[in-house]
Amino acid sequence: MARTELTLIMPGMAGVLSQEINKATIPTYLTKLINKATRYEKPAGLSRTLFNHFNDSPLTGSDLPIGALSSDGQMIIKADPCYLHADRDRLLLFAEGLTITEQESAELVDEIQPLMAKLGELRQVSPTDWQFALKQKPEIQFSAIEEVEGKGVDNFLPVGQDRRQWVSLWNEIQMQLYKADLNQHRIASQQHPINSVWFWGMGTFNPVTKNWVSISGKSPLLSELAAKTQSLVQAESPSSWSSGEHLWLLEKLDIDSDWQATLQTLDKTVFEPLWQSISKAKIDQLIIQVPNFAEYRIAPSSRWCFWR
């Protein structure tokens, strides 16, 4: 008999579950699911989690092959704008939530393009998404920006034969951006300067065509990955779960907003129905993935594990 399996991804939930003080505020049915599940440590971020659902094998390197998704035969990596914050003896990287206008982005790209022309062409895809089309593939290993966010950059700098050239370019870009008029205006208006870029996104993506019965969620990366495997993404999840494997990406939980109210709503619309489906064995296995935190697996038999 065909099995029914649902993988549910909950981005942003790590900030709640990692704090013991939040335990009492997690709603009823989500608590039941977590308590009855078998937990596995899965520290991967959201992008790596998504890639691993569509790649032929888990990605274990420090980088993610995001450039391969938009490549038209060229060697493309990312050179995303970011803010480096000096914190005692280290530099912390911040890229999420930066506000950059189209005009500012274009001006910054023009500012640093001459420094990068020897290696390739810098392109503005969106104000916070810059691509670097390379003339040739470097002997280098980068680190995905998502996994550097909010951390000191020293442990994530490029490694490999061409390391010196790329670190030197990175430093030159910082010096150029430091004296840019635009950044002086941003500082004067109490905005973070865009004082660096982060190189990443190199590698090989080997898409595997998996027979997902349904894929649900609103994410550009999810849509790109699904397209590479000839899969269709639905904005809304199915109302019932047929035989086969399903993938469902929830919207990111914003812990800076009223996340408790959001979880209460999800408890009624998502977790209670899933608990009932598990209880009635309509789902043979539910996998809840919390990026940067853990993975929870629950089957109908798990409900009777009284010691959990």
C-alpha atoms as a PDB file:
ATOM      1  CA  MET A   1       0.000   0.000   0.000  1.00  0.00           C
ATOM      2  CA  ALA A   2       1.389   3.416  -0.986  1.00  0.00           C
ATOM      3  CA  ARG A   3       2.530   5.620   1.874  1.00  0.00           C
ATOM      4  CA  THR A   4       1.630   9.242   2.449  1.00  0.00           C
ATOM      5  CA  GLU A   5       4.464  11.448   3.664  1.00  0.00           C
ATOM      6  CA  LEU A   6       4.439  15.207   4.278  1.00  0.00           C
ATOM      7  CA  THR A   7       7.538  17.337   4.791  1.00  0.00           C
ATOM      8  CA  LEU A   8       6.632  20.663   6.407  1.00  0.00           C
ATOM      9  CA  ILE A   9       9.293  23.407   6.533  1.00  0.00           C
ATOM     10  CA  MET A  10       8.941  26.172   9.138  1.00  0.00           C
ATOM     11  CA  PRO A  11      11.468  28.994   8.512  1.00  0.00           C
ATOM     12  CA  GLY A  12      11.945  31.452  11.359  1.00  0.00           C
ATOM     13  CA  MET A  13      10.769  28.991  14.006  1.00  0.00           C
ATOM     14  CA  ALA A  14      14.302  28.373  15.281  1.00  0.00           C
ATOM     15  CA  GLY A  15      14.224  31.714  17.095  1.00  0.00           C
ATOM     16  CA  VAL A  16      11.234  30.481  19.122  1.00  0.00           C
ATOM     17  CA  LEU A  17      12.170  26.873  19.807  1.00  0.00           C
ATOM     18  CA  SER A  18      15.758  27.677  20.769  1.00  0.00           C
ATOM     19  CA  GLN A  19      14.581  29.719  23.773  1.00  0.00           C
ATOM     20  CA  GLU A  20      13.327  27.695  26.736  1.00  0.00           C
ATOM     21  CA  ILE A  21      11.304  30.670  27.935  1.00  0.00           C
ATOM     22  CA  ASN A  22       9.073  30.318  24.853  1.00  0.00           C
ATOM     23  CA  LYS A  23       8.104  26.716  25.576  1.00  0.00           C
ATOM     24  CA  ALA A  24       4.892  27.600  27.412  1.00  0.00           C
ATOM     25  CA  THR A  25       3.713  29.869  24.586  1.00  0.00           C
ATOM     26  CA  ILE A  26       3.843  27.228  21.834  1.00  0.00           C
ATOM     27  CA  PRO A  27       0.217  26.337  20.985  1.00  0.00           C
ATOM     28  CA  THR A  28      -1.486  23.048  21.817  1.00  0.00           C
ATOM     29  CA  TYR A  29      -1.296  20.982  18.637  1.00  0.00           C
ATOM     30  CA  LEU A  30       2.186  22.080  17.628  1.00  0.00           C
ATOM     31  CA  THR A  31       3.297  21.116  21.138  1.00  0.00           C
ATOM     32  CA  LYS A  32       1.671  17.689  20.755  1.00  0.00           C
ATOM     33  CA  LEU A  33       3.390  17.087  17.434  1.00  0.00           C
ATOM     34  CA  ILE A  34       6.797  18.142  18.741  1.00  0.00           C
ATOM     35  CA  ASN A  35       6.467  16.163  21.980  1.00  0.00           C
ATOM     36  CA  LYS A  36       5.487  12.941  20.206  1.00  0.00           C
ATOM     37  CA  ALA A  37       8.061  13.268  17.444  1.00  0.00           C
ATOM     38  CA  THR A  38      11.582  11.903  17.235  1.00  0.00           C
ATOM     39  CA  ARG A  39      13.963  14.822  17.057  1.00  0.00           C
ATOM     40  CA  TYR A  40      17.113  15.033  14.936  1.00  0.00           C
ATOM     41  CA  GLU A  41      19.659  17.825  14.965  1.00  0.00           C
ATOM     42  CA  LYS A  42      19.518  19.508  11.539  1.00  0.00           C
ATOM     43  CA  PRO A  43      21.379  22.848  11.665  1.00  0.00           C
ATOM     44  CA  ALA A  44      21.066  23.571   7.930  1.00  0.00           C
ATOM     45  CA  GLY A  45      19.618  26.942   6.917  1.00  0.00           C
ATOM     46  CA  LEU A  46      16.515  27.371   4.768  1.00  0.00           C
ATOM     47  CA  SER A  47      18.306  27.574   1.404  1.00  0.00           C
ATOM     48  CA  ARG A  48      20.383  24.462   2.102  1.00  0.00           C
ATOM     49  CA  THR A  49      17.261  22.645   3.314  1.00  0.00           C
ATOM     50  CA  LEU A  50      15.466  23.462   0.067  1.00  0.00           C
ATOM     51  CA  PHE A  51      18.447  22.551  -2.117  1.00  0.00           C
ATOM     52  CA  ASN A  52      18.713  19.173  -0.418  1.00  0.00           C
ATOM     53  CA  HIS A  53      15.139  18.346  -1.417  1.00  0.00           C
ATOM     54  CA  PHE A  54      16.009  18.741  -5.105  1.00  0.00           C
ATOM     55  CA  ASN A  55      19.704  17.814  -5.379  1.00  0.00           C
ATOM     56  CA  ASP A  56      20.801  14.238  -6.067  1.00  0.00           C
ATOM     57  CA  SER A  57      22.699  14.135  -2.760  1.00  0.00           C
ATOM     58  CA  PRO A  58      22.925  16.366   0.354  1.00  0.00           C
ATOM     59  CA  LEU A  59      25.138  19.419  -0.079  1.00  0.00           C
ATOM     60  CA  THR A  60      27.869  19.272   2.536  1.00  0.00           C
ATOM     61  CA  GLY A  61      30.225  22.069   1.443  1.00  0.00           C
ATOM     62  CA  SER A  62      30.233  25.584   2.875  1.00  0.00           C
ATOM     63  CA  ASP A  63      28.698  27.080  -0.273  1.00  0.00           C
ATOM     64  CA  LEU A  64      25.442  26.585  -2.181  1.00  0.00           C
ATOM     65  CA  PRO A  65      25.273  26.421  -6.016  1.00  0.00           C
ATOM     66  CA  ILE A  66      22.746  29.234  -6.340  1.00  0.00           C
ATOM     67  CA  GLY A  67      24.562  30.627  -9.385  1.00  0.00           C
ATOM     68  CA  ALA A  68      23.882  27.426 -11.297  1.00  0.00           C
ATOM     69  CA  LEU A  69      20.134  28.113 -11.186  1.00  0.00           C
ATOM     70  CA  SER A  70      20.386  31.275 -13.277  1.00  0.00           C
ATOM     71  CA  SER A  71      23.369  30.312 -15.414  1.00  0.00           C
ATOM     72  CA  ASP A  72      22.977  30.496 -19.184  1.00  0.00           C
ATOM     73  CA  GLY A  73      26.272  28.775 -19.837  1.00  0.00           C
ATOM     74  CA  GLN A  74      28.352  31.401 -18.050  1.00  0.00           C
ATOM     75  CA  MET A  75      30.070  30.924 -14.717  1.00  0.00           C
ATOM     76  CA  ILE A  76      27.878  32.975 -12.363  1.00  0.00           C
ATOM     77  CA  ILE A  77      28.243  33.571  -8.641  1.00  0.00           C
ATOM     78  CA  LYS A  78      26.637  36.036  -6.230  1.00  0.00           C
ATOM     79  CA  ALA A  79      28.261  39.262  -5.017  1.00  0.00           C
ATOM     80  CA  ASP A  80      25.531  40.410  -2.673  1.00  0.00           C
ATOM     81  CA  PRO A  81      25.629  43.854  -1.021  1.00  0.00           C
ATOM     82  CA  CYS A  82      25.994  43.732   2.754  1.00  0.00           C
ATOM     83  CA  TYR A  83      26.909  45.696   5.853  1.00  0.00           C
ATOM     84  CA  LEU A  84      29.987  44.750   7.869  1.00  0.00           C
ATOM     85  CA  HIS A  85      29.802  45.886  11.481  1.00  0.00           C
ATOM     86  CA  ALA A  86      32.966  46.191  13.547  1.00  0.00           C
ATOM     87  CA  ASP A  87      32.444  44.413  16.873  1.00  0.00           C
ATOM     88  CA  ARG A  88      35.616  44.580  18.955  1.00  0.00           C
ATOM     89  CA  ASP A  89      38.121  42.417  17.053  1.00  0.00           C
ATOM     90  CA  ARG A  90      35.767  40.950  14.446  1.00  0.00           C
ATOM     91  CA  LEU A  91      33.496  41.959  11.575  1.00  0.00           C
ATOM     92  CA  LEU A  92      29.862  40.864  11.698  1.00  0.00           C
ATOM     93  CA  LEU A  93      27.984  40.494   8.424  1.00  0.00           C
ATOM     94  CA  PHE A  94      24.396  41.651   7.915  1.00  0.00           C
ATOM     95  CA  ALA A  95      22.503  41.389   4.634  1.00  0.00           C
ATOM     96  CA  GLU A  96      18.923  40.495   5.576  1.00  0.00           C
ATOM     97  CA  GLY A  97      16.580  43.452   5.830  1.00  0.00           C
ATOM     98  CA  LEU A  98      18.889  46.020   4.246  1.00  0.00           C
ATOM     99  CA  THR A  99      16.935  48.714   2.448  1.00  0.00           C
ATOM    100  CA  ILE A 100      18.497  49.691  -0.879  1.00  0.00           C
ATOM    101  CA  THR A 101      16.724  51.555  -3.665  1.00  0.00           C
ATOM    102  CA  GLU A 102      17.117  50.746  -7.356  1.00  0.00           C
ATOM    103  CA  GLN A 103      19.064  53.966  -7.859  1.00  0.00           C
ATOM    104  CA  GLU A 104      21.354  53.320  -4.897  1.00  0.00           C
ATOM    105  CA  SER A 105      22.011  49.792  -6.089  1.00  0.00           C
ATOM    106  CA  ALA A 106      22.899  50.953  -9.590  1.00  0.00           C
ATOM    107  CA  GLU A 107      25.205  53.625  -8.198  1.00  0.00           C
ATOM    108  CA  LEU A 108      27.003  51.131  -5.952  1.00  0.00           C
ATOM    109  CA  VAL A 109      27.448  48.654  -8.805  1.00  0.00           C
ATOM    110  CA  ASP A 110      28.973  51.403 -10.954  1.00  0.00           C
ATOM    111  CA  GLU A 111      31.236  52.333  -8.036  1.00  0.00           C
ATOM    112  CA  ILE A 112      32.900  48.929  -7.752  1.00  0.00           C
ATOM    113  CA  GLN A 113      32.593  47.474 -11.264  1.00  0.00           C
ATOM    114  CA  PRO A 114      36.018  48.823 -12.373  1.00  0.00           C
ATOM    115  CA  LEU A 115      37.657  46.863  -9.544  1.00  0.00           C
ATOM    116  CA  MET A 116      35.979  43.657 -10.704  1.00  0.00           C
ATOM    117  CA  ALA A 117      36.302  44.048 -14.478  1.00  0.00           C
ATOM    118  CA  LYS A 118      39.434  41.885 -14.676  1.00  0.00           C
ATOM    119  CA  LEU A 119      37.511  38.879 -13.351  1.00  0.00           C
ATOM    120  CA  GLY A 120      34.097  39.499 -14.896  1.00  0.00           C
ATOM    121  CA  GLU A 121      30.968  41.644 -15.013  1.00  0.00           C
ATOM    122  CA  LEU A 122      28.840  42.666 -12.025  1.00  0.00           C
ATOM    123  CA  ARG A 123      25.096  42.727 -12.733  1.00  0.00           C
ATOM    124  CA  GLN A 124      22.210  44.101 -10.716  1.00  0.00           C
ATOM    125  CA  VAL A 125      19.316  41.603 -10.699  1.00  0.00           C
ATOM    126  CA  SER A 126      17.489  43.481  -7.958  1.00  0.00           C
ATOM    127  CA  PRO A 127      18.616  46.107  -5.421  1.00  0.00           C
ATOM    128  CA  THR A 128      19.822  43.420  -2.999  1.00  0.00           C
ATOM    129  CA  ASP A 129      20.653  40.688  -5.517  1.00  0.00           C
ATOM    130  CA  TRP A 130      23.850  41.125  -7.512  1.00  0.00           C
ATOM    131  CA  GLN A 131      25.343  38.543  -9.875  1.00  0.00           C
ATOM    132  CA  PHE A 132      28.983  38.311 -10.892  1.00  0.00           C
ATOM    133  CA  ALA A 133      29.476  36.728 -14.345  1.00  0.00           C
ATOM    134  CA  LEU A 134      33.033  35.369 -14.333  1.00  0.00           C
ATOM    135  CA  LYS A 135      35.400  35.051 -17.257  1.00  0.00           C
ATOM    136  CA  GLN A 136      36.759  31.791 -15.865  1.00  0.00           C
ATOM    137  CA  LYS A 137      36.137  29.496 -12.917  1.00  0.00           C
ATOM    138  CA  PRO A 138      38.347  30.280  -9.921  1.00  0.00           C
ATOM    139  CA  GLU A 139      40.008  27.672  -7.714  1.00  0.00           C
ATOM    140  CA  ILE A 140      38.129  28.791  -4.617  1.00  0.00           C
ATOM    141  CA  GLN A 141      35.568  27.702  -2.043  1.00  0.00           C
ATOM    142  CA  PHE A 142      33.110  30.359  -0.814  1.00  0.00           C
ATOM    143  CA  SER A 143      30.550  30.269   2.017  1.00  0.00           C
ATOM    144  CA  ALA A 144      26.807  30.795   1.529  1.00  0.00           C
ATOM    145  CA  ILE A 145      25.690  34.186   2.809  1.00  0.00           C
ATOM    146  CA  GLU A 146      22.686  32.770   4.682  1.00  0.00           C
ATOM    147  CA  GLU A 147      25.028  30.828   6.948  1.00  0.00           C
ATOM    148  CA  VAL A 148      27.260  33.849   7.621  1.00  0.00           C
ATOM    149  CA  GLU A 149      24.410  36.242   8.485  1.00  0.00           C
ATOM    150  CA  GLY A 150      24.968  37.868  11.884  1.00  0.00           C
ATOM    151  CA  LYS A 151      28.311  36.108  12.427  1.00  0.00           C
ATOM    152  CA  GLY A 152      31.950  37.072  12.313  1.00  0.00           C
ATOM    153  CA  VAL A 153      33.297  36.667   8.791  1.00  0.00           C
ATOM    154  CA  ASP A 154      36.793  35.375   9.672  1.00  0.00           C
ATOM    155  CA  ASN A 155      35.749  31.718   9.718  1.00  0.00           C
ATOM    156  CA  PHE A 156      33.915  32.050   6.384  1.00  0.00           C
ATOM    157  CA  LEU A 157      36.459  33.756   4.151  1.00  0.00           C
ATOM    158  CA  PRO A 158      37.306  32.026   0.847  1.00  0.00           C
ATOM    159  CA  VAL A 159      39.745  29.135   0.825  1.00  0.00           C
ATOM    160  CA  GLY A 160      41.646  27.611  -2.067  1.00  0.00           C
ATOM    161  CA  GLN A 161      44.399  28.301  -4.567  1.00  0.00           C
ATOM    162  CA  ASP A 162      42.993  31.710  -5.613  1.00  0.00           C
ATOM    163  CA  ARG A 163      42.204  32.854  -2.071  1.00  0.00           C
ATOM    164  CA  ARG A 164      44.713  35.714  -2.004  1.00  0.00           C
ATOM    165  CA  GLN A 165      43.321  37.311  -5.170  1.00  0.00           C
ATOM    166  CA  TRP A 166      39.714  37.141  -3.955  1.00  0.00           C
ATOM    167  CA  VAL A 167      40.405  38.376  -0.430  1.00  0.00           C
ATOM    168  CA  SER A 168      42.433  41.237  -1.915  1.00  0.00           C
ATOM    169  CA  LEU A 169      39.532  42.160  -4.215  1.00  0.00           C
ATOM    170  CA  TRP A 170      37.119  41.959  -1.270  1.00  0.00           C
ATOM    171  CA  ASN A 171      39.283  44.382   0.729  1.00  0.00           C
ATOM    172  CA  GLU A 172      39.600  46.790  -2.232  1.00  0.00           C
ATOM    173  CA  ILE A 173      35.813  46.834  -2.618  1.00  0.00           C
ATOM    174  CA  GLN A 174      35.410  47.714   1.055  1.00  0.00           C
ATOM    175  CA  MET A 175      37.831  50.606   0.761  1.00  0.00           C
ATOM    176  CA  GLN A 176      36.057  51.906  -2.343  1.00  0.00           C
ATOM    177  CA  LEU A 177      32.627  51.667  -0.728  1.00  0.00           C
ATOM    178  CA  TYR A 178      33.863  53.288   2.487  1.00  0.00           C
ATOM    179  CA  LYS A 179      34.609  56.548   0.676  1.00  0.00           C
ATOM    180  CA  ALA A 180      31.603  56.414  -1.667  1.00  0.00           C
ATOM    181  CA  ASP A 181      29.419  59.538  -1.437  1.00  0.00           C
ATOM    182  CA  LEU A 182      26.289  57.388  -1.322  1.00  0.00           C
ATOM    183  CA  ASN A 183      27.400  55.667   1.864  1.00  0.00           C
ATOM    184  CA  GLN A 184      28.242  58.989   3.487  1.00  0.00           C
ATOM    185  CA  HIS A 185      24.663  60.086   2.737  1.00  0.00           C
ATOM    186  CA  ARG A 186      23.294  56.821   4.139  1.00  0.00           C
ATOM    187  CA  ILE A 187      25.252  57.256   7.369  1.00  0.00           C
ATOM    188  CA  ALA A 188      24.109  60.882   7.655  1.00  0.00           C
ATOM    189  CA  SER A 189      20.486  59.708   7.317  1.00  0.00           C
ATOM    190  CA  GLN A 190      21.066  57.033   9.999  1.00  0.00           C
ATOM    191  CA  GLN A 191      21.042  54.114   7.565  1.00  0.00           C
ATOM    192  CA  HIS A 192      23.559  51.318   7.510  1.00  0.00           C
ATOM    193  CA  PRO A 193      26.200  51.842   4.818  1.00  0.00           C
ATOM    194  CA  ILE A 194      26.581  49.212   2.124  1.00  0.00           C
ATOM    195  CA  ASN A 195      30.261  48.777   2.858  1.00  0.00           C
ATOM    196  CA  SER A 196      30.988  45.371   1.348  1.00  0.00           C
ATOM    197  CA  VAL A 197      29.828  42.557  -0.904  1.00  0.00           C
ATOM    198  CA  TRP A 198      29.803  38.835  -0.145  1.00  0.00           C
ATOM    199  CA  PHE A 199      30.972  36.409  -2.804  1.00  0.00           C
ATOM    200  CA  TRP A 200      29.175  33.068  -2.802  1.00  0.00           C
ATOM    201  CA  GLY A 201      26.956  30.744  -4.820  1.00  0.00           C
ATOM    202  CA  MET A 202      29.528  28.681  -6.725  1.00  0.00           C
ATOM    203  CA  GLY A 203      29.209  24.961  -7.235  1.00  0.00           C
ATOM    204  CA  THR A 204      27.417  22.255  -9.141  1.00  0.00           C
ATOM    205  CA  PHE A 205      23.697  21.616  -8.834  1.00  0.00           C
ATOM    206  CA  ASN A 206      22.639  18.124  -9.841  1.00  0.00           C
ATOM    207  CA  PRO A 207      18.837  18.235  -9.876  1.00  0.00           C
ATOM    208  CA  VAL A 208      17.017  14.999  -9.272  1.00  0.00           C
ATOM    209  CA  THR A 209      13.473  14.587 -10.549  1.00  0.00           C
ATOM    210  CA  LYS A 210      11.592  13.468  -7.472  1.00  0.00           C
ATOM    211  CA  ASN A 211       7.980  12.458  -7.775  1.00  0.00           C
ATOM    212  CA  TRP A 212       6.550  15.030  -5.410  1.00  0.00           C
ATOM    213  CA  VAL A 213       2.772  14.696  -5.484  1.00  0.00           C
ATOM    214  CA  SER A 214       2.532  18.344  -4.437  1.00  0.00           C
ATOM    215  CA  ILE A 215       4.888  21.227  -3.660  1.00  0.00           C
ATOM    216  CA  SER A 216       3.428  24.222  -1.840  1.00  0.00           C
ATOM    217  CA  GLY A 217       4.926  27.512  -0.742  1.00  0.00           C
ATOM    218  CA  LYS A 218       5.831  31.047  -1.727  1.00  0.00           C
ATOM    219  CA  SER A 219       9.552  31.289  -2.331  1.00  0.00           C
ATOM    220  CA  PRO A 220      11.573  32.336  -5.395  1.00  0.00           C
ATOM    221  CA  LEU A 221      14.236  29.735  -4.559  1.00  0.00           C
ATOM    222  CA  LEU A 222      11.644  26.968  -4.181  1.00  0.00           C
ATOM    223  CA  SER A 223      10.147  27.911  -7.552  1.00  0.00           C
ATOM    224  CA  GLU A 224      13.573  27.921  -9.240  1.00  0.00           C
ATOM    225  CA  LEU A 225      14.514  24.546  -7.782  1.00  0.00           C
ATOM    226  CA  ALA A 226      11.177  23.038  -8.754  1.00  0.00           C
ATOM    227  CA  ALA A 227      11.504  24.387 -12.301  1.00  0.00           C
ATOM    228  CA  LYS A 228      14.903  22.703 -12.660  1.00  0.00           C
ATOM    229  CA  THR A 229      13.246  19.366 -11.854  1.00  0.00           C
ATOM    230  CA  GLN A 230      10.132  19.953 -13.978  1.00  0.00           C
ATOM    231  CA  SER A 231       7.960  20.212 -10.847  1.00  0.00           C
ATOM    232  CA  LEU A 232       5.004  22.506 -10.251  1.00  0.00           C
ATOM    233  CA  VAL A 233       4.714  24.725  -7.163  1.00  0.00           C
ATOM    234  CA  GLN A 234       1.293  25.639  -5.789  1.00  0.00           C
ATOM    235  CA  ALA A 235       0.780  28.776  -3.709  1.00  0.00           C
ATOM    236  CA  GLU A 236      -1.690  26.958  -1.442  1.00  0.00           C
ATOM    237  CA  SER A 237      -1.336  23.518   0.144  1.00  0.00           C
ATOM    238  CA  PRO A 238      -3.752  20.697  -0.694  1.00  0.00           C
ATOM    239  CA  SER A 239      -6.850  20.353   1.503  1.00  0.00           C
ATOM    240  CA  SER A 240      -6.228  16.604   1.796  1.00  0.00           C
ATOM    241  CA  TRP A 241      -3.167  14.421   1.421  1.00  0.00           C
ATOM    242  CA  SER A 242      -3.109  11.704  -1.238  1.00  0.00           C
ATOM    243  CA  SER A 243      -0.606   8.851  -1.431  1.00  0.00           C
ATOM    244  CA  GLY A 244       2.979   9.857  -2.133  1.00  0.00           C
ATOM    245  CA  GLU A 245       5.376  12.559  -0.925  1.00  0.00           C
ATOM    246  CA  HIS A 246       4.351  16.166  -0.353  1.00  0.00           C
ATOM    247  CA  LEU A 247       6.486  19.243   0.365  1.00  0.00           C
ATOM    248  CA  TRP A 248       5.018  22.287   2.103  1.00  0.00           C
ATOM    249  CA  LEU A 249       6.956  25.470   2.864  1.00  0.00           C
ATOM    250  CA  LEU A 250       5.254  27.787   5.351  1.00  0.00           C
ATOM    251  CA  GLU A 251       5.839  31.535   5.290  1.00  0.00           C
ATOM    252  CA  LYS A 252       8.724  32.682   7.460  1.00  0.00           C
ATOM    253  CA  LEU A 253       7.735  33.371  11.076  1.00  0.00           C
ATOM    254  CA  ASP A 254       8.590  36.973  11.925  1.00  0.00           C
ATOM    255  CA  ILE A 255       9.754  36.880  15.536  1.00  0.00           C
ATOM    256  CA  ASP A 256       9.900  40.684  15.615  1.00  0.00           C
ATOM    257  CA  SER A 257       6.120  40.815  15.189  1.00  0.00           C
ATOM    258  CA  ASP A 258       3.280  39.165  17.117  1.00  0.00           C
ATOM    259  CA  TRP A 259       4.562  35.661  16.408  1.00  0.00           C
ATOM    260  CA  GLN A 260       2.450  34.140  19.198  1.00  0.00           C
ATOM    261  CA  ALA A 261      -0.764  35.187  17.431  1.00  0.00           C
ATOM    262  CA  THR A 262       0.634  33.836  14.154  1.00  0.00           C
ATOM    263  CA  LEU A 263       1.343  30.464  15.782  1.00  0.00           C
ATOM    264  CA  GLN A 264      -2.129  30.337  17.310  1.00  0.00           C
ATOM    265  CA  THR A 265      -3.617  30.819  13.849  1.00  0.00           C
ATOM    266  CA  LEU A 266      -1.338  28.139  12.397  1.00  0.00           C
ATOM    267  CA  ASP A 267      -2.339  25.826  15.215  1.00  0.00           C
ATOM    268  CA  LYS A 268      -5.962  25.986  14.090  1.00  0.00           C
ATOM    269  CA  THR A 269      -5.370  25.952  10.341  1.00  0.00           C
ATOM    270  CA  VAL A 270      -2.302  23.713  10.033  1.00  0.00           C
ATOM    271  CA  PHE A 271      -1.245  21.792  13.135  1.00  0.00           C
ATOM    272  CA  GLU A 272      -4.627  20.646  14.429  1.00  0.00           C
ATOM    273  CA  PRO A 273      -5.601  19.180  11.009  1.00  0.00           C
ATOM    274  CA  LEU A 274      -2.184  17.509  10.777  1.00  0.00           C
ATOM    275  CA  TRP A 275      -2.568  16.051  14.272  1.00  0.00           C
ATOM    276  CA  GLN A 276      -5.954  14.665  13.277  1.00  0.00           C
ATOM    277  CA  SER A 277      -4.507  13.228  10.058  1.00  0.00           C
ATOM    278  CA  ILE A 278      -1.718  11.537  12.008  1.00  0.00           C
ATOM    279  CA  SER A 279      -4.209  10.261  14.603  1.00  0.00           C
ATOM    280  CA  LYS A 280      -6.393   8.699  11.896  1.00  0.00           C
ATOM    281  CA  ALA A 281      -3.349   7.343  10.013  1.00  0.00           C
ATOM    282  CA  LYS A 282      -4.183   9.447   6.947  1.00  0.00           C
ATOM    283  CA  ILE A 283      -0.537  10.506   6.963  1.00  0.00           C
ATOM    284  CA  ASP A 284       2.055   7.769   7.487  1.00  0.00           C
ATOM    285  CA  GLN A 285       4.871  10.149   8.334  1.00  0.00           C
ATOM    286  CA  LEU A 286       5.052  13.871   9.074  1.00  0.00           C
ATOM    287  CA  ILE A 287       8.474  15.522   8.925  1.00  0.00           C
ATOM    288  CA  ILE A 288       8.691  19.007  10.411  1.00  0.00           C
ATOM    289  CA  GLN A 289      11.912  20.786   9.447  1.00  0.00           C
ATOM    290  CA  VAL A 290      12.962  23.902  11.359  1.00  0.00           C
ATOM    291  CA  PRO A 291      15.927  25.444   9.473  1.00  0.00           C
ATOM    292  CA  ASN A 292      18.940  26.269  11.653  1.00  0.00           C
ATOM    293  CA  PHE A 293      17.545  24.126  14.454  1.00  0.00           C
ATOM    294  CA  ALA A 294      16.129  20.590  14.163  1.00  0.00           C
ATOM    295  CA  GLU A 295      13.942  18.093  12.357  1.00  0.00           C
ATOM    296  CA  TYR A 296      10.954  16.275  13.914  1.00  0.00           C
ATOM    297  CA  ARG A 297       9.519  12.997  12.592  1.00  0.00           C
ATOM    298  CA  ILE A 298       6.179  11.638  13.728  1.00  0.00           C
ATOM    299  CA  ALA A 299       4.159   8.592  12.630  1.00  0.00           C
ATOM    300  CA  PRO A 300       0.707   7.398  13.785  1.00  0.00           C
ATOM    301  CA  SER A 301       2.367   4.940  16.197  1.00  0.00           C
ATOM    302  CA  SER A 302       4.296   7.811  17.816  1.00  0.00           C
ATOM    303  CA  ARG A 303       1.094   9.021  19.485  1.00  0.00           C
ATOM    304  CA  TRP A 304       1.177   6.034  21.829  1.00  0.00           C
ATOM    305  CA  CYS A 305       4.701   6.633  23.075  1.00  0.00           C
ATOM    306  CA  PHE A 306       3.578   7.622  26.583  1.00  0.00           C
ATOM    307  CA  TRP A 307       7.129   8.338  27.739  1.00  0.00           C
ATOM    308  CA  ARG A 308       7.405  11.331  25.439  1.00  0.00           C
END
